[in-house]
Amino acid sequence: MLARLAAAAAGLALLAIVLSPVLGPAGARAMGPLPDCRYDDVLTTPRGYGDWSITLVDTILRVPKGYEPPDLVSTAGAGIAGGGKVRAVMIDDLRAMTEAAALAEAGIAVQSAYRSFESQKAVFDSWVAALGYQRALEVSARPGHSEHQLGLALDVRSDSGGSPFTGTFGSSPAGKWMKAHAWEYGFVMSYPRGSMDVTCYDFEPWHFRYVGRDLAALIHASGLSPREYLWANYTTTIVPPAPPRPTKAPAKTTAPSATPAPSPTATAAPTIPPPTTAQATPPATPVPPSAEPTPAPTATAPPDDSEAMARLASVVAAGTAGAVGFLALGAWVLLRRGRSGVGL
């Protein structure tokens, strides 16, 4: 079942590529459209050391904590000032670019090069301390998500000194020259001006990433940021959809319970609350002010059994006496008739 769901998801992702505008040339292998900017921790693919030019890291994708290129060398081998280490694959082009910039009187130097996971964490934490966490996310990569950990990124400054982070590097001779010519030597600006909605980072005119001359020429010609181009053409990571934002649960409302109607008993007296108890709601059938409550009928005790028996005995005795008298009278009449010969 899970295999079928995964296959269906992959099919939908590929369909989305066909139906949505293509970000790169034909044959793009992106697993779905470019994800919106958010913060996650998904391992990027490809991420082998041999895939250095096409490995993408951003606010979502990362390399493992122990990622450390095996061919790190000193930037001094390229004849550039500033120090630091980079991958050996870029030394020749870095040397050529340094010499060309110097000839154009736009000399460059290295402000920052390779950073390990731990050193990137220290850098990010320093930005958090200075700007707060939310702003730090926009100007610095979390550890594991930095191009500096790839050994391919450089923060460039003017060779005359000074920090490039003051906001004036982009308008300096070195900054202008790098923007116009760095791609010719295999370096691309990772976070161009006005592209934060797709790069997910603020404008950094000093930050360049080496991808090699051929790929840099393609990215430059496309007009896309490196993130857009690498995602569309090389990144094969399936990024899960963003989890829904938590919403505040509405307060539970208790429905009022139905008040049963009073029983229509004529003799029922209304309930009168005690003087100290407040009555929340009027009674269902209000009593007019002039009406007096109907008193409940007083129960009558049953008569005593001995008295009833005495009355019954007197009645029986009276009846018996009457009957005896009546029989005596009858006998007397019969006797009289018998003597006179008169029949009944």
Protein backbone atom coordinates (compact mmCIF):
# COMPACT_ATOMS: atom_id res chain seq x y z
CA MET A 1 0.00 0.00 0.00
CA LEU A 2 2.80 2.41 0.92
CA ALA A 3 4.61 1.57 -2.30
CA ARG A 4 1.52 2.44 -4.31
CA LEU A 5 1.11 5.73 -2.49
CA ALA A 6 4.76 6.61 -3.10
CA ALA A 7 4.40 5.78 -6.80
CA ALA A 8 1.27 7.89 -7.03
CA ALA A 9 3.02 10.83 -5.35
CA ALA A 10 5.94 10.58 -7.75
CA GLY A 11 3.53 10.48 -10.68
CA LEU A 12 1.75 13.59 -9.47
CA ALA A 13 5.06 15.36 -9.01
CA LEU A 14 6.09 14.59 -12.57
CA LEU A 15 2.68 15.69 -13.83
CA ALA A 16 3.11 18.98 -11.99
CA ILE A 17 6.36 19.58 -13.86
CA VAL A 18 4.65 19.05 -17.21
CA LEU A 19 1.72 21.29 -16.40
CA SER A 20 3.64 24.09 -14.66
CA PRO A 21 6.03 26.53 -16.36
CA VAL A 22 9.43 24.96 -16.91
CA LEU A 23 12.18 26.65 -14.90
CA GLY A 24 15.04 25.16 -16.85
CA PRO A 25 15.75 23.57 -20.24
CA ALA A 26 14.04 20.41 -21.46
CA GLY A 27 14.86 17.29 -19.50
CA ALA A 28 14.51 18.88 -16.06
CA ARG A 29 14.47 16.22 -13.37
CA ALA A 30 13.00 18.20 -10.51
CA MET A 31 10.64 16.22 -8.32
CA GLY A 32 7.85 18.76 -8.43
CA PRO A 33 7.81 22.55 -8.45
CA LEU A 34 10.32 24.60 -6.50
CA PRO A 35 9.22 24.52 -2.85
CA ASP A 36 8.19 27.77 -1.26
CA CYS A 37 10.57 29.23 1.28
CA ARG A 38 10.27 27.51 4.61
CA TYR A 39 12.56 25.87 7.16
CA ASP A 40 12.96 22.11 7.20
CA ASP A 41 15.72 19.49 7.49
CA VAL A 42 15.52 17.23 4.44
CA LEU A 43 18.69 15.52 3.20
CA THR A 44 19.49 16.75 -0.28
CA THR A 45 20.10 14.48 -3.27
CA PRO A 46 22.48 14.22 -4.98
CA ARG A 47 25.00 14.98 -2.22
CA GLY A 48 28.07 12.86 -3.02
CA TYR A 49 31.44 14.60 -3.02
CA GLY A 50 31.61 13.92 -6.75
CA ASP A 51 28.32 15.77 -7.24
CA TRP A 52 29.81 19.01 -5.95
CA SER A 53 28.59 21.22 -8.80
CA ILE A 54 24.94 20.16 -8.62
CA THR A 55 24.42 19.63 -4.88
CA LEU A 56 21.76 22.01 -3.63
CA VAL A 57 21.43 23.23 -0.06
CA ASP A 58 18.87 25.81 1.01
CA THR A 59 16.51 26.50 3.89
CA ILE A 60 14.89 23.07 3.38
CA LEU A 61 17.65 20.84 2.01
CA ARG A 62 20.81 20.01 3.91
CA VAL A 63 23.88 17.82 3.93
CA PRO A 64 24.74 15.53 6.88
CA LYS A 65 26.44 16.97 9.93
CA GLY A 66 29.66 15.12 9.13
CA TYR A 67 29.83 16.36 5.51
CA GLU A 68 33.42 17.54 4.93
CA PRO A 69 34.97 17.52 1.46
CA PRO A 70 38.15 15.40 1.32
CA ASP A 71 40.05 17.79 -0.98
CA LEU A 72 40.08 21.03 1.00
CA VAL A 73 43.11 23.22 0.29
CA SER A 74 44.22 26.70 1.30
CA THR A 75 43.02 29.64 -0.77
CA ALA A 76 46.59 30.89 -0.68
CA GLY A 77 47.25 28.50 -3.57
CA ALA A 78 45.11 30.77 -5.76
CA GLY A 79 47.15 33.85 -4.88
CA ILE A 80 44.20 35.53 -3.15
CA ALA A 81 44.41 37.25 0.21
CA GLY A 82 42.22 36.50 3.18
CA GLY A 83 42.90 32.88 4.02
CA GLY A 84 40.55 29.97 4.50
CA LYS A 85 40.08 26.67 2.67
CA VAL A 86 38.14 25.63 -0.41
CA ARG A 87 37.83 22.51 -2.52
CA ALA A 88 40.77 21.86 -4.81
CA VAL A 89 38.44 21.66 -7.83
CA MET A 90 38.05 25.45 -7.81
CA ILE A 91 41.60 26.58 -7.15
CA ASP A 92 42.58 27.12 -10.79
CA ASP A 93 39.48 29.16 -11.64
CA LEU A 94 39.78 31.11 -8.39
CA ARG A 95 43.34 32.03 -9.33
CA ALA A 96 42.27 33.13 -12.82
CA MET A 97 39.41 35.24 -11.43
CA THR A 98 41.65 36.87 -8.82
CA GLU A 99 44.17 37.87 -11.46
CA ALA A 100 41.48 39.21 -13.82
CA ALA A 101 39.91 41.32 -11.06
CA ALA A 102 43.28 42.78 -10.15
CA LEU A 103 43.94 43.71 -13.80
CA ALA A 104 40.56 45.48 -13.85
CA GLU A 105 41.56 47.44 -10.72
CA ALA A 106 38.80 45.70 -8.81
CA GLY A 107 40.95 43.50 -6.60
CA ILE A 108 39.21 40.91 -4.43
CA ALA A 109 40.03 39.00 -1.25
CA VAL A 110 38.39 36.27 0.81
CA GLN A 111 36.26 37.23 3.79
CA SER A 112 35.07 33.68 4.52
CA ALA A 113 35.47 30.28 2.85
CA TYR A 114 34.81 26.71 4.02
CA ARG A 115 32.91 26.31 7.30
CA SER A 116 32.26 23.05 9.10
CA PHE A 117 28.89 22.25 10.64
CA GLU A 118 30.15 23.45 14.01
CA SER A 119 31.65 26.71 12.71
CA GLN A 120 28.45 27.46 10.77
CA LYS A 121 26.47 26.93 13.95
CA ALA A 122 28.64 29.49 15.71
CA VAL A 123 28.10 31.98 12.88
CA PHE A 124 24.34 31.45 12.88
CA ASP A 125 24.14 31.76 16.65
CA SER A 126 26.03 35.05 16.51
CA TRP A 127 23.46 36.44 14.06
CA VAL A 128 20.65 35.24 16.31
CA ALA A 129 22.23 37.07 19.23
CA ALA A 130 22.60 40.23 17.15
CA LEU A 131 19.33 40.28 15.19
CA GLY A 132 16.96 37.77 16.75
CA TYR A 133 16.08 34.33 15.43
CA GLN A 134 13.57 35.28 12.72
CA ARG A 135 15.83 37.89 11.11
CA ALA A 136 18.87 35.62 11.44
CA LEU A 137 17.09 33.02 9.29
CA GLU A 138 17.00 35.54 6.45
CA VAL A 139 20.67 36.50 6.52
CA SER A 140 22.42 33.32 7.63
CA ALA A 141 22.08 29.59 6.98
CA ARG A 142 21.44 27.11 9.75
CA PRO A 143 24.20 24.52 10.16
CA GLY A 144 23.97 21.82 7.50
CA HIS A 145 22.19 24.19 5.12
CA SER A 146 25.14 26.40 4.20
CA GLU A 147 26.97 26.42 0.86
CA HIS A 148 30.08 27.16 2.88
CA GLN A 149 29.99 23.60 4.24
CA LEU A 150 30.21 22.36 0.63
CA GLY A 151 33.65 24.00 0.42
CA LEU A 152 32.51 25.85 -2.71
CA ALA A 153 31.27 29.19 -1.38
CA LEU A 154 33.18 32.42 -0.84
CA ASP A 155 32.24 35.64 0.90
CA VAL A 156 34.30 38.12 -1.13
CA ARG A 157 35.58 41.55 -0.07
CA SER A 158 37.70 44.21 -1.64
CA ASP A 159 41.41 43.50 -1.43
CA SER A 160 41.86 46.92 0.14
CA GLY A 161 40.16 45.63 3.29
CA GLY A 162 36.96 46.34 5.12
CA SER A 163 33.96 44.12 5.71
CA PRO A 164 31.67 43.36 2.77
CA PHE A 165 28.69 43.18 5.16
CA THR A 166 28.38 46.94 5.57
CA GLY A 167 26.02 47.23 2.60
CA THR A 168 28.45 49.04 0.27
CA PHE A 169 30.25 46.09 -1.29
CA GLY A 170 27.76 45.80 -4.16
CA SER A 171 28.55 49.32 -5.31
CA SER A 172 32.33 49.01 -4.87
CA PRO A 173 34.63 48.29 -7.85
CA ALA A 174 35.17 44.74 -6.61
CA GLY A 175 31.43 44.18 -6.11
CA LYS A 176 30.50 45.52 -9.54
CA TRP A 177 33.20 43.50 -11.26
CA MET A 178 32.17 40.25 -9.53
CA LYS A 179 28.52 40.74 -10.49
CA ALA A 180 29.43 41.23 -14.13
CA HIS A 181 32.26 38.71 -14.61
CA ALA A 182 32.35 36.05 -11.88
CA TRP A 183 30.22 33.63 -13.95
CA GLU A 184 32.95 33.62 -16.63
CA TYR A 185 35.21 31.85 -14.12
CA GLY A 186 32.59 29.41 -12.81
CA PHE A 187 31.19 31.47 -9.88
CA VAL A 188 27.54 32.49 -9.54
CA MET A 189 25.91 34.92 -7.10
CA SER A 190 23.73 32.73 -4.91
CA TYR A 191 21.39 35.40 -3.56
CA PRO A 192 20.80 38.17 -6.12
CA ARG A 193 18.91 41.36 -5.38
CA GLY A 194 15.11 41.11 -5.43
CA SER A 195 14.98 37.31 -5.43
CA MET A 196 14.37 36.55 -1.78
CA ASP A 197 11.03 34.90 -2.61
CA VAL A 198 12.90 32.13 -4.45
CA THR A 199 16.35 32.12 -2.81
CA CYS A 200 14.87 32.43 0.71
CA TYR A 201 17.76 34.66 1.79
CA ASP A 202 18.33 38.39 1.77
CA PHE A 203 20.43 40.00 -0.97
CA GLU A 204 24.13 39.15 -0.55
CA PRO A 205 26.31 40.73 -3.28
CA TRP A 206 29.42 39.24 -1.66
CA HIS A 207 28.36 35.56 -1.62
CA PHE A 208 29.43 33.46 -4.63
CA ARG A 209 29.30 29.74 -5.17
CA TYR A 210 31.53 27.80 -7.54
CA VAL A 211 29.75 25.42 -9.95
CA GLY A 212 32.29 25.28 -12.80
CA ARG A 213 32.46 27.38 -15.95
CA ASP A 214 30.04 25.38 -18.08
CA LEU A 215 27.24 25.25 -15.51
CA ALA A 216 27.83 28.86 -14.49
CA ALA A 217 27.35 29.94 -18.12
CA LEU A 218 24.02 28.05 -18.29
CA ILE A 219 22.77 29.56 -15.03
CA HIS A 220 23.80 33.05 -16.12
CA ALA A 221 22.05 32.66 -19.47
CA SER A 222 18.84 31.38 -17.84
CA GLY A 223 18.41 34.46 -15.68
CA LEU A 224 17.54 32.19 -12.78
CA SER A 225 19.06 32.01 -9.34
CA PRO A 226 21.29 28.98 -8.67
CA ARG A 227 18.61 27.52 -6.41
CA GLU A 228 15.97 27.66 -9.14
CA TYR A 229 18.25 26.24 -11.79
CA LEU A 230 19.72 23.40 -9.72
CA TRP A 231 16.27 22.41 -8.47
CA ALA A 232 14.80 22.32 -11.96
CA ASN A 233 17.65 20.40 -13.56
CA TYR A 234 19.49 18.28 -11.04
CA THR A 235 17.91 18.00 -7.59
CA THR A 236 16.06 14.73 -7.14
CA THR A 237 14.93 15.15 -3.54
CA ILE A 238 11.24 14.58 -2.88
CA VAL A 239 10.33 17.33 -0.45
CA PRO A 240 7.27 16.52 1.65
CA PRO A 241 4.49 19.10 1.69
CA ALA A 242 4.64 21.73 4.37
CA PRO A 243 2.81 20.70 7.53
CA PRO A 244 -0.36 22.68 8.16
CA ARG A 245 0.03 25.65 10.41
CA PRO A 246 -1.48 25.07 13.81
CA THR A 247 -4.74 26.88 14.27
CA LYS A 248 -6.19 27.98 17.55
CA ALA A 249 -9.05 25.72 18.51
CA PRO A 250 -12.30 27.61 19.03
CA ALA A 251 -13.48 27.85 22.60
CA LYS A 252 -15.96 25.18 23.46
CA THR A 253 -19.45 26.54 23.91
CA THR A 254 -21.85 24.75 26.18
CA ALA A 255 -25.33 24.74 24.74
CA PRO A 256 -27.97 25.92 27.21
CA SER A 257 -29.97 23.05 28.59
CA ALA A 258 -33.68 23.07 27.86
CA THR A 259 -35.83 24.12 30.81
CA PRO A 260 -38.82 21.79 31.12
CA ALA A 261 -42.20 23.52 31.05
CA PRO A 262 -44.04 23.55 34.35
CA SER A 263 -46.74 20.96 34.84
CA PRO A 264 -50.23 22.45 34.25
CA THR A 265 -51.52 21.51 37.72
CA ALA A 266 -54.21 23.89 38.89
CA THR A 267 -53.37 23.50 42.53
CA ALA A 268 -49.59 23.72 42.13
CA ALA A 269 -48.22 26.73 43.93
CA PRO A 270 -45.40 28.75 42.27
CA THR A 271 -41.97 28.31 43.72
CA ILE A 272 -40.92 31.38 45.63
CA PRO A 273 -37.14 31.66 46.12
CA PRO A 274 -35.79 32.47 49.53
CA PRO A 275 -35.17 36.21 50.13
CA THR A 276 -31.39 35.76 50.03
CA THR A 277 -31.30 33.87 46.72
CA ALA A 278 -31.18 35.83 43.48
CA GLN A 279 -33.53 34.51 40.82
CA ALA A 280 -31.72 34.21 37.47
CA THR A 281 -34.76 33.88 35.25
CA PRO A 282 -38.45 34.61 35.78
CA PRO A 283 -40.76 31.63 36.26
CA ALA A 284 -42.27 30.14 33.14
CA THR A 285 -45.78 31.18 34.23
CA PRO A 286 -45.51 34.45 36.17
CA VAL A 287 -47.99 35.06 39.03
CA PRO A 288 -49.75 38.45 38.90
CA PRO A 289 -48.68 40.72 41.74
CA SER A 290 -52.21 40.75 43.24
CA ALA A 291 -52.67 37.01 43.21
CA GLU A 292 -52.14 35.14 46.41
CA PRO A 293 -50.67 31.67 46.35
CA THR A 294 -53.28 28.95 46.63
CA PRO A 295 -52.72 27.08 49.87
CA ALA A 296 -52.27 23.38 49.58
CA PRO A 297 -55.29 21.36 50.85
CA THR A 298 -54.95 20.11 54.42
CA ALA A 299 -55.00 16.35 54.69
CA THR A 300 -57.83 14.99 56.96
CA ALA A 301 -56.94 12.21 59.35
CA PRO A 302 -59.01 9.00 58.86
CA PRO A 303 -61.80 8.38 61.51
CA ASP A 304 -61.05 6.16 64.49
CA ASP A 305 -62.05 2.49 63.88
CA SER A 306 -63.51 2.00 67.40
CA GLU A 307 -65.93 4.87 67.00
CA ALA A 308 -67.13 3.52 63.66
CA MET A 309 -67.72 0.09 65.18
CA ALA A 310 -69.75 1.60 68.02
CA ARG A 311 -71.93 3.51 65.59
CA LEU A 312 -72.46 0.38 63.53
CA ALA A 313 -73.47 -1.59 66.67
CA SER A 314 -76.03 1.03 67.68
CA VAL A 315 -77.53 1.00 64.20
CA VAL A 316 -77.75 -2.78 64.22
CA ALA A 317 -79.27 -2.78 67.71
CA ALA A 318 -81.88 -0.24 66.73
CA GLY A 319 -82.73 -2.24 63.66
CA THR A 320 -83.04 -5.43 65.64
CA ALA A 321 -85.33 -3.80 68.20
CA GLY A 322 -87.54 -2.46 65.44
CA ALA A 323 -87.79 -5.84 63.80
CA VAL A 324 -88.73 -7.52 67.08
CA GLY A 325 -91.41 -4.93 67.67
CA PHE A 326 -92.75 -5.37 64.18
CA LEU A 327 -92.97 -9.17 64.65
CA ALA A 328 -94.76 -8.79 67.97
CA LEU A 329 -97.28 -6.46 66.43
CA GLY A 330 -97.91 -8.91 63.65
CA ALA A 331 -98.46 -11.75 66.07
CA TRP A 332 -100.92 -9.70 68.06
CA VAL A 333 -102.94 -8.87 64.91
CA LEU A 334 -103.11 -12.52 63.94
CA LEU A 335 -104.36 -13.48 67.32
CA ARG A 336 -107.06 -10.87 67.19
CA ARG A 337 -108.20 -11.98 63.78
CA GLY A 338 -108.22 -15.56 64.86
CA ARG A 339 -110.56 -14.81 67.62
CA SER A 340 -112.97 -12.81 65.43
CA GLY A 341 -112.91 -15.24 62.39
CA VAL A 342 -111.70 -12.69 59.99
CA GLY A 343 -109.21 -14.19 57.43
CA LEU A 344 -106.24 -12.57 55.95
